[in-house]
Amino acid sequence: MATQRTTTKTLKNPAPVPVEPTQCQPCGGSGNVAITVRVGRKRRPVGQQDGLCLNCLGSGTDPDA
């Protein structure tokens, strides 16, 4: 029968500390941006509605970081 090892090896490369992702600039980290709603023949603005941020696709994190 083989002898059992009683000591443990030390890690050569410890796990890196996770870095917090930065917020997306256009939406401010919310994932939604305000889109102006236009109506009529002259396309006058009447209000705003929430839309999906096309920079981060709704995740709220900066895709370039």
PDB file of N, CA and C in Angstrom:
ATOM      1  N   MET A   1       0.827  -1.163   0.000  1.00  0.00           N
ATOM      2  CA  MET A   1       0.000   0.000   0.000  1.00  0.00           C
ATOM      3  C   MET A   1       0.887   1.248   0.000  1.00  0.00           C
ATOM      4  N   ALA A   2       0.499   2.263  -0.796  1.00  0.00           N
ATOM      5  CA  ALA A   2       1.300   3.477  -0.921  1.00  0.00           C
ATOM      6  C   ALA A   2       1.105   4.381   0.284  1.00  0.00           C
ATOM      7  N   THR A   3       2.146   5.121   0.593  1.00  0.00           N
ATOM      8  CA  THR A   3       2.032   6.059   1.719  1.00  0.00           C
ATOM      9  C   THR A   3       1.245   7.288   1.283  1.00  0.00           C
ATOM     10  N   GLN A   4       0.551   7.893   2.221  1.00  0.00           N
ATOM     11  CA  GLN A   4      -0.249   9.072   1.908  1.00  0.00           C
ATOM     12  C   GLN A   4       0.534  10.332   2.237  1.00  0.00           C
ATOM     13  N   ARG A   5       0.380  11.321   1.389  1.00  0.00           N
ATOM     14  CA  ARG A   5       1.033  12.597   1.598  1.00  0.00           C
ATOM     15  C   ARG A   5       0.226  13.396   2.630  1.00  0.00           C
ATOM     16  N   THR A   6       0.908  13.938   3.598  1.00  0.00           N
ATOM     17  CA  THR A   6       0.202  14.665   4.655  1.00  0.00           C
ATOM     18  C   THR A   6       0.330  16.171   4.519  1.00  0.00           C
ATOM     19  N   THR A   7       1.239  16.653   3.673  1.00  0.00           N
ATOM     20  CA  THR A   7       1.386  18.099   3.490  1.00  0.00           C
ATOM     21  C   THR A   7       0.687  18.514   2.207  1.00  0.00           C
ATOM     22  N   THR A   8       0.334  19.770   2.140  1.00  0.00           N
ATOM     23  CA  THR A   8      -0.314  20.282   0.938  1.00  0.00           C
ATOM     24  C   THR A   8       0.636  21.207   0.209  1.00  0.00           C
ATOM     25  N   LYS A   9       0.498  21.276  -1.086  1.00  0.00           N
ATOM     26  CA  LYS A   9       1.328  22.153  -1.893  1.00  0.00           C
ATOM     27  C   LYS A   9       0.822  23.588  -1.774  1.00  0.00           C
ATOM     28  N   THR A  10       1.752  24.534  -1.847  1.00  0.00           N
ATOM     29  CA  THR A  10       1.354  25.936  -1.882  1.00  0.00           C
ATOM     30  C   THR A  10       1.061  26.312  -3.329  1.00  0.00           C
ATOM     31  N   LEU A  11       0.122  27.206  -3.533  1.00  0.00           N
ATOM     32  CA  LEU A  11      -0.241  27.623  -4.876  1.00  0.00           C
ATOM     33  C   LEU A  11       0.833  28.533  -5.451  1.00  0.00           C
ATOM     34  N   LYS A  12       1.279  28.224  -6.652  1.00  0.00           N
ATOM     35  CA  LYS A  12       2.277  29.059  -7.305  1.00  0.00           C
ATOM     36  C   LYS A  12       1.653  30.346  -7.826  1.00  0.00           C
ATOM     37  N   ASN A  13       0.474  30.255  -8.399  1.00  0.00           N
ATOM     38  CA  ASN A  13      -0.229  31.418  -8.934  1.00  0.00           C
ATOM     39  C   ASN A  13      -1.576  31.533  -8.224  1.00  0.00           C
ATOM     40  N   PRO A  14      -1.673  32.379  -7.204  1.00  0.00           N
ATOM     41  CA  PRO A  14      -2.956  32.507  -6.521  1.00  0.00           C
ATOM     42  C   PRO A  14      -4.004  33.115  -7.455  1.00  0.00           C
ATOM     43  N   ALA A  15      -5.264  32.878  -7.150  1.00  0.00           N
ATOM     44  CA  ALA A  15      -6.357  33.372  -7.982  1.00  0.00           C
ATOM     45  C   ALA A  15      -6.354  34.897  -7.970  1.00  0.00           C
ATOM     46  N   PRO A  16      -6.522  35.531  -9.139  1.00  0.00           N
ATOM     47  CA  PRO A  16      -6.525  36.998  -9.181  1.00  0.00           C
ATOM     48  C   PRO A  16      -7.778  37.557  -8.510  1.00  0.00           C
ATOM     49  N   VAL A  17      -7.613  38.733  -7.956  1.00  0.00           N
ATOM     50  CA  VAL A  17      -8.736  39.401  -7.308  1.00  0.00           C
ATOM     51  C   VAL A  17      -9.660  39.914  -8.403  1.00  0.00           C
ATOM     52  N   PRO A  18     -10.966  39.602  -8.363  1.00  0.00           N
ATOM     53  CA  PRO A  18     -11.872  40.067  -9.411  1.00  0.00           C
ATOM     54  C   PRO A  18     -11.990  41.589  -9.399  1.00  0.00           C
ATOM     55  N   VAL A  19     -11.949  42.169 -10.575  1.00  0.00           N
ATOM     56  CA  VAL A  19     -12.045  43.614 -10.739  1.00  0.00           C
ATOM     57  C   VAL A  19     -13.497  43.977 -11.020  1.00  0.00           C
ATOM     58  N   GLU A  20     -13.997  44.995 -10.330  1.00  0.00           N
ATOM     59  CA  GLU A  20     -15.375  45.412 -10.568  1.00  0.00           C
ATOM     60  C   GLU A  20     -15.474  46.078 -11.933  1.00  0.00           C
ATOM     61  N   PRO A  21     -16.462  45.694 -12.733  1.00  0.00           N
ATOM     62  CA  PRO A  21     -16.609  46.306 -14.055  1.00  0.00           C
ATOM     63  C   PRO A  21     -17.060  47.763 -13.938  1.00  0.00           C
ATOM     64  N   THR A  22     -16.610  48.583 -14.873  1.00  0.00           N
ATOM     65  CA  THR A  22     -16.991  49.986 -14.872  1.00  0.00           C
ATOM     66  C   THR A  22     -18.370  50.154 -15.493  1.00  0.00           C
ATOM     67  N   GLN A  23     -19.019  51.257 -15.162  1.00  0.00           N
ATOM     68  CA  GLN A  23     -20.358  51.521 -15.678  1.00  0.00           C
ATOM     69  C   GLN A  23     -20.283  52.018 -17.117  1.00  0.00           C
ATOM     70  N   CYS A  24     -21.317  51.717 -17.857  1.00  0.00           N
ATOM     71  CA  CYS A  24     -21.446  52.191 -19.230  1.00  0.00           C
ATOM     72  C   CYS A  24     -21.712  53.702 -19.195  1.00  0.00           C
ATOM     73  N   GLN A  25     -21.046  54.457 -20.072  1.00  0.00           N
ATOM     74  CA  GLN A  25     -21.189  55.912 -20.069  1.00  0.00           C
ATOM     75  C   GLN A  25     -22.557  56.397 -20.561  1.00  0.00           C
ATOM     76  N   PRO A  26     -23.098  55.920 -21.683  1.00  0.00           N
ATOM     77  CA  PRO A  26     -24.376  56.463 -22.169  1.00  0.00           C
ATOM     78  C   PRO A  26     -25.562  56.219 -21.227  1.00  0.00           C
ATOM     79  N   CYS A  27     -25.599  55.066 -20.580  1.00  0.00           N
ATOM     80  CA  CYS A  27     -26.761  54.752 -19.744  1.00  0.00           C
ATOM     81  C   CYS A  27     -26.484  54.935 -18.263  1.00  0.00           C
ATOM     82  N   GLY A  28     -25.232  55.156 -17.875  1.00  0.00           N
ATOM     83  CA  GLY A  28     -24.897  55.341 -16.475  1.00  0.00           C
ATOM     84  C   GLY A  28     -25.011  54.071 -15.649  1.00  0.00           C
ATOM     85  N   GLY A  29     -24.975  52.913 -16.285  1.00  0.00           N
ATOM     86  CA  GLY A  29     -25.030  51.640 -15.577  1.00  0.00           C
ATOM     87  C   GLY A  29     -26.424  51.076 -15.406  1.00  0.00           C
ATOM     88  N   SER A  30     -27.458  51.786 -15.865  1.00  0.00           N
ATOM     89  CA  SER A  30     -28.822  51.283 -15.689  1.00  0.00           C
ATOM     90  C   SER A  30     -29.245  50.330 -16.804  1.00  0.00           C
ATOM     91  N   GLY A  31     -28.629  50.442 -17.975  1.00  0.00           N
ATOM     92  CA  GLY A  31     -29.005  49.590 -19.102  1.00  0.00           C
ATOM     93  C   GLY A  31     -30.107  50.179 -19.948  1.00  0.00           C
ATOM     94  N   ASN A  32     -30.712  51.296 -19.493  1.00  0.00           N
ATOM     95  CA  ASN A  32     -31.784  51.969 -20.229  1.00  0.00           C
ATOM     96  C   ASN A  32     -31.369  53.387 -20.565  1.00  0.00           C
ATOM     97  N   VAL A  33     -31.787  53.858 -21.735  1.00  0.00           N
ATOM     98  CA  VAL A  33     -31.561  55.242 -22.140  1.00  0.00           C
ATOM     99  C   VAL A  33     -32.899  55.843 -22.539  1.00  0.00           C
ATOM    100  N   ALA A  34     -33.033  57.149 -22.385  1.00  0.00           N
ATOM    101  CA  ALA A  34     -34.273  57.839 -22.756  1.00  0.00           C
ATOM    102  C   ALA A  34     -34.265  58.092 -24.255  1.00  0.00           C
ATOM    103  N   ILE A  35     -35.357  57.717 -24.911  1.00  0.00           N
ATOM    104  CA  ILE A  35     -35.515  57.920 -26.352  1.00  0.00           C
ATOM    105  C   ILE A  35     -36.690  58.861 -26.548  1.00  0.00           C
ATOM    106  N   THR A  36     -36.480  59.918 -27.337  1.00  0.00           N
ATOM    107  CA  THR A  36     -37.534  60.895 -27.587  1.00  0.00           C
ATOM    108  C   THR A  36     -38.571  60.309 -28.530  1.00  0.00           C
ATOM    109  N   VAL A  37     -39.841  60.474 -28.175  1.00  0.00           N
ATOM    110  CA  VAL A  37     -40.946  60.014 -29.011  1.00  0.00           C
ATOM    111  C   VAL A  37     -41.422  61.189 -29.844  1.00  0.00           C
ATOM    112  N   ARG A  38     -41.493  61.004 -31.165  1.00  0.00           N
ATOM    113  CA  ARG A  38     -41.916  62.069 -32.074  1.00  0.00           C
ATOM    114  C   ARG A  38     -43.202  61.658 -32.779  1.00  0.00           C
ATOM    115  N   VAL A  39     -44.116  62.613 -32.923  1.00  0.00           N
ATOM    116  CA  VAL A  39     -45.395  62.332 -33.581  1.00  0.00           C
ATOM    117  C   VAL A  39     -45.723  63.445 -34.562  1.00  0.00           C
ATOM    118  N   GLY A  40     -46.635  63.152 -35.441  1.00  0.00           N
ATOM    119  CA  GLY A  40     -47.151  64.148 -36.370  1.00  0.00           C
ATOM    120  C   GLY A  40     -46.335  64.268 -37.640  1.00  0.00           C
ATOM    121  N   ARG A  41     -46.895  65.068 -38.542  1.00  0.00           N
ATOM    122  CA  ARG A  41     -46.255  65.252 -39.833  1.00  0.00           C
ATOM    123  C   ARG A  41     -44.935  66.013 -39.702  1.00  0.00           C
ATOM    124  N   LYS A  42     -44.882  66.942 -38.755  1.00  0.00           N
ATOM    125  CA  LYS A  42     -43.666  67.727 -38.555  1.00  0.00           C
ATOM    126  C   LYS A  42     -42.716  67.072 -37.567  1.00  0.00           C
ATOM    127  N   ARG A  43     -43.092  65.899 -37.079  1.00  0.00           N
ATOM    128  CA  ARG A  43     -42.263  65.086 -36.168  1.00  0.00           C
ATOM    129  C   ARG A  43     -41.867  65.861 -34.918  1.00  0.00           C
ATOM    130  N   ARG A  44     -42.887  66.423 -34.239  1.00  0.00           N
ATOM    131  CA  ARG A  44     -42.608  67.173 -33.014  1.00  0.00           C
ATOM    132  C   ARG A  44     -42.447  66.212 -31.843  1.00  0.00           C
ATOM    133  N   PRO A  45     -41.533  66.502 -30.920  1.00  0.00           N
ATOM    134  CA  PRO A  45     -41.328  65.639 -29.755  1.00  0.00           C
ATOM    135  C   PRO A  45     -42.447  65.819 -28.736  1.00  0.00           C
ATOM    136  N   VAL A  46     -42.972  64.713 -28.223  1.00  0.00           N
ATOM    137  CA  VAL A  46     -44.053  64.781 -27.239  1.00  0.00           C
ATOM    138  C   VAL A  46     -43.666  64.159 -25.905  1.00  0.00           C
ATOM    139  N   GLY A  47     -42.600  63.411 -25.838  1.00  0.00           N
ATOM    140  CA  GLY A  47     -42.217  62.782 -24.580  1.00  0.00           C
ATOM    141  C   GLY A  47     -41.025  61.872 -24.781  1.00  0.00           C
ATOM    142  N   GLN A  48     -40.739  61.095 -23.736  1.00  0.00           N
ATOM    143  CA  GLN A  48     -39.630  60.157 -23.801  1.00  0.00           C
ATOM    144  C   GLN A  48     -40.066  58.807 -23.283  1.00  0.00           C
ATOM    145  N   GLN A  49     -39.413  57.780 -23.777  1.00  0.00           N
ATOM    146  CA  GLN A  49     -39.647  56.435 -23.275  1.00  0.00           C
ATOM    147  C   GLN A  49     -38.306  55.751 -23.090  1.00  0.00           C
ATOM    148  N   ASP A  50     -38.281  54.722 -22.267  1.00  0.00           N
ATOM    149  CA  ASP A  50     -37.049  53.988 -22.020  1.00  0.00           C
ATOM    150  C   ASP A  50     -36.756  53.048 -23.170  1.00  0.00           C
ATOM    151  N   GLY A  51     -35.478  52.988 -23.522  1.00  0.00           N
ATOM    152  CA  GLY A  51     -35.037  52.069 -24.566  1.00  0.00           C
ATOM    153  C   GLY A  51     -33.780  51.357 -24.124  1.00  0.00           C
ATOM    154  N   LEU A  52     -33.463  50.269 -24.763  1.00  0.00           N
ATOM    155  CA  LEU A  52     -32.285  49.468 -24.449  1.00  0.00           C
ATOM    156  C   LEU A  52     -31.030  50.200 -24.895  1.00  0.00           C
ATOM    157  N   CYS A  53     -30.033  50.240 -24.040  1.00  0.00           N
ATOM    158  CA  CYS A  53     -28.756  50.875 -24.381  1.00  0.00           C
ATOM    159  C   CYS A  53     -28.048  50.006 -25.414  1.00  0.00           C
ATOM    160  N   LEU A  54     -27.709  50.597 -26.547  1.00  0.00           N
ATOM    161  CA  LEU A  54     -27.065  49.834 -27.615  1.00  0.00           C
ATOM    162  C   LEU A  54     -25.569  49.689 -27.413  1.00  0.00           C
ATOM    163  N   ASN A  55     -25.011  50.452 -26.495  1.00  0.00           N
ATOM    164  CA  ASN A  55     -23.578  50.336 -26.220  1.00  0.00           C
ATOM    165  C   ASN A  55     -23.287  49.082 -25.403  1.00  0.00           C
ATOM    166  N   CYS A  56     -24.047  48.863 -24.331  1.00  0.00           N
ATOM    167  CA  CYS A  56     -23.787  47.719 -23.452  1.00  0.00           C
ATOM    168  C   CYS A  56     -24.847  46.627 -23.596  1.00  0.00           C
ATOM    169  N   LEU A  57     -25.862  46.843 -24.412  1.00  0.00           N
ATOM    170  CA  LEU A  57     -26.958  45.900 -24.655  1.00  0.00           C
ATOM    171  C   LEU A  57     -27.715  45.551 -23.365  1.00  0.00           C
ATOM    172  N   GLY A  58     -27.876  46.553 -22.493  1.00  0.00           N
ATOM    173  CA  GLY A  58     -28.691  46.365 -21.301  1.00  0.00           C
ATOM    174  C   GLY A  58     -27.981  45.801 -20.110  1.00  0.00           C
ATOM    175  N   SER A  59     -26.710  45.482 -20.211  1.00  0.00           N
ATOM    176  CA  SER A  59     -26.010  44.902 -19.062  1.00  0.00           C
ATOM    177  C   SER A  59     -25.571  45.959 -18.060  1.00  0.00           C
ATOM    178  N   GLY A  60     -25.339  47.195 -18.515  1.00  0.00           N
ATOM    179  CA  GLY A  60     -24.920  48.275 -17.637  1.00  0.00           C
ATOM    180  C   GLY A  60     -23.427  48.359 -17.414  1.00  0.00           C
ATOM    181  N   THR A  61     -22.666  47.424 -17.965  1.00  0.00           N
ATOM    182  CA  THR A  61     -21.218  47.454 -17.800  1.00  0.00           C
ATOM    183  C   THR A  61     -20.563  47.922 -19.092  1.00  0.00           C
ATOM    184  N   ASP A  62     -19.394  48.533 -18.956  1.00  0.00           N
ATOM    185  CA  ASP A  62     -18.681  49.057 -20.105  1.00  0.00           C
ATOM    186  C   ASP A  62     -18.084  47.899 -20.915  1.00  0.00           C
ATOM    187  N   PRO A  63     -18.449  47.750 -22.200  1.00  0.00           N
ATOM    188  CA  PRO A  63     -17.934  46.625 -22.979  1.00  0.00           C
ATOM    189  C   PRO A  63     -16.464  46.784 -23.353  1.00  0.00           C
ATOM    190  N   ASP A  64     -15.902  48.000 -23.264  1.00  0.00           N
ATOM    191  CA  ASP A  64     -14.520  48.232 -23.658  1.00  0.00           C
ATOM    192  C   ASP A  64     -13.548  48.036 -22.502  1.00  0.00           C
ATOM    193  N   ALA A  65     -14.068  47.813 -21.295  1.00  0.00           N
ATOM    194  CA  ALA A  65     -13.176  47.683 -20.138  1.00  0.00           C
ATOM    195  C   ALA A  65     -12.687  46.269 -19.958  1.00  0.00           C
TER     196      ALA A  65
END
